[in-house]
Protein backbone atom coordinates (compact mmCIF):
# COMPACT_ATOMS: atom_id res chain seq x y z
CA UNK A 1 190.64 -119.15 31.05
CA UNK A 2 188.44 -121.05 33.45
CA UNK A 3 186.35 -122.89 30.86
CA UNK A 4 185.23 -126.49 31.04
CA UNK A 5 184.30 -128.02 27.69
CA UNK A 6 183.02 -131.20 26.12
CA UNK A 7 182.75 -132.33 22.50
CA UNK A 8 179.91 -130.93 20.43
CA UNK A 9 177.65 -133.92 19.78
CA UNK A 10 176.26 -134.59 16.33
CA UNK A 11 172.76 -134.15 17.79
CA UNK A 12 173.59 -130.69 19.17
CA UNK A 13 175.32 -129.72 15.90
CA UNK A 14 172.17 -130.78 14.00
CA UNK A 15 170.02 -128.79 16.44
CA UNK A 16 172.17 -125.71 15.76
CA UNK A 17 171.66 -126.16 12.03
CA UNK A 18 175.28 -127.14 11.40
CA UNK A 19 175.31 -130.96 11.23
CA UNK A 20 178.90 -131.09 9.96
CA UNK A 21 180.29 -128.85 12.72
CA UNK A 22 183.20 -130.13 14.85
CA UNK A 23 183.82 -127.98 17.92
CA UNK A 24 183.50 -127.93 21.72
CA UNK A 25 180.69 -126.75 23.99
CA UNK A 26 181.32 -124.82 27.20
CA UNK A 27 179.75 -126.78 30.06
CA UNK A 28 180.92 -124.61 32.95
CA UNK A 29 182.72 -121.32 33.52
CA UNK A 30 184.74 -121.01 36.72
CA UNK A 31 183.59 -118.10 38.89
CA UNK A 32 186.03 -115.18 38.99
CA UNK A 33 187.97 -116.62 36.03
CA UNK A 34 189.11 -114.43 33.12
CA UNK A 35 186.23 -115.75 30.99
CA UNK A 36 183.52 -115.50 33.67
CA UNK A 37 181.87 -112.35 32.33
CA UNK A 38 182.61 -113.08 28.66
CA UNK A 39 181.72 -116.70 27.87
CA UNK A 40 178.61 -118.62 28.98
CA UNK A 41 177.75 -122.30 29.38
CA UNK A 42 176.27 -123.54 26.12
CA UNK A 43 178.54 -121.37 23.97
CA UNK A 44 180.23 -123.35 21.20
CA UNK A 45 183.92 -122.59 20.71
CA UNK A 46 184.77 -122.72 17.01
CA UNK A 47 188.36 -121.43 17.11
CA UNK A 48 191.11 -120.11 19.37
CA UNK A 49 193.28 -117.34 17.92
CA UNK A 50 191.84 -118.09 14.47
CA UNK A 51 192.83 -121.78 14.60
CA UNK A 52 189.92 -124.20 14.25
CA UNK A 53 188.85 -126.27 17.26
CA UNK A 54 187.79 -129.78 16.23
CA UNK A 55 187.93 -131.66 19.54
CA UNK A 56 188.55 -131.25 23.25
CA UNK A 57 192.18 -132.23 22.63
CA UNK A 58 192.65 -129.60 19.92
CA UNK A 59 191.01 -127.00 22.19
CA UNK A 60 193.48 -127.73 25.01
CA UNK A 61 196.42 -127.71 22.61
CA UNK A 62 195.39 -124.35 21.14
CA UNK A 63 194.70 -122.94 24.60
CA UNK A 64 198.19 -123.93 25.79
CA UNK A 65 199.63 -122.14 22.77
CA UNK A 66 197.42 -119.08 23.44
CA UNK A 67 198.62 -118.78 27.04
CA UNK A 68 201.91 -117.40 25.72
CA UNK A 69 199.99 -114.25 24.75
CA UNK A 70 198.13 -111.78 26.98
CA UNK A 71 194.71 -112.58 25.46
CA UNK A 72 192.96 -115.36 23.59
CA UNK A 73 190.59 -114.61 20.71
CA UNK A 74 187.70 -117.07 20.76
CA UNK A 75 185.34 -117.45 17.82
CA UNK A 76 182.13 -118.55 19.48
CA UNK A 77 178.61 -119.53 18.52
CA UNK A 78 176.85 -117.59 21.27
CA UNK A 79 174.26 -119.75 23.04
CA UNK A 80 172.05 -116.79 23.92
CA UNK A 81 171.84 -115.15 20.51
CA UNK A 82 172.63 -117.96 18.07
CA UNK A 83 175.17 -115.68 16.37
CA UNK A 84 178.85 -116.28 15.81
CA UNK A 85 180.97 -113.66 17.51
CA UNK A 86 184.57 -113.07 18.50
CA UNK A 87 185.29 -112.78 22.21
CA UNK A 88 188.61 -111.54 23.55
CA UNK A 89 189.50 -113.21 26.85
CA UNK A 90 192.48 -112.19 29.02
CA UNK A 91 194.81 -115.04 29.98
CA UNK A 92 195.21 -113.85 33.57
């Protein structure tokens, strides 16, 4: 998908008002990647194809599984709006 992620820190989770949240934060989006116009740095990925993301390792595992399908459904806490939204990202 062209996303680079890191673990959501407890400080950032607290700042977002969700201190118990386990997820990953997008740190960079590769230019011209499938996600380039859909996902932004700072977005928090909560799930991939309705399966919860709890760590960078779980994100990569779910992403590998999602690559078998034409699109990945990401549940994201949007950094710009502060709302949780679903974003459909093509795998190619």
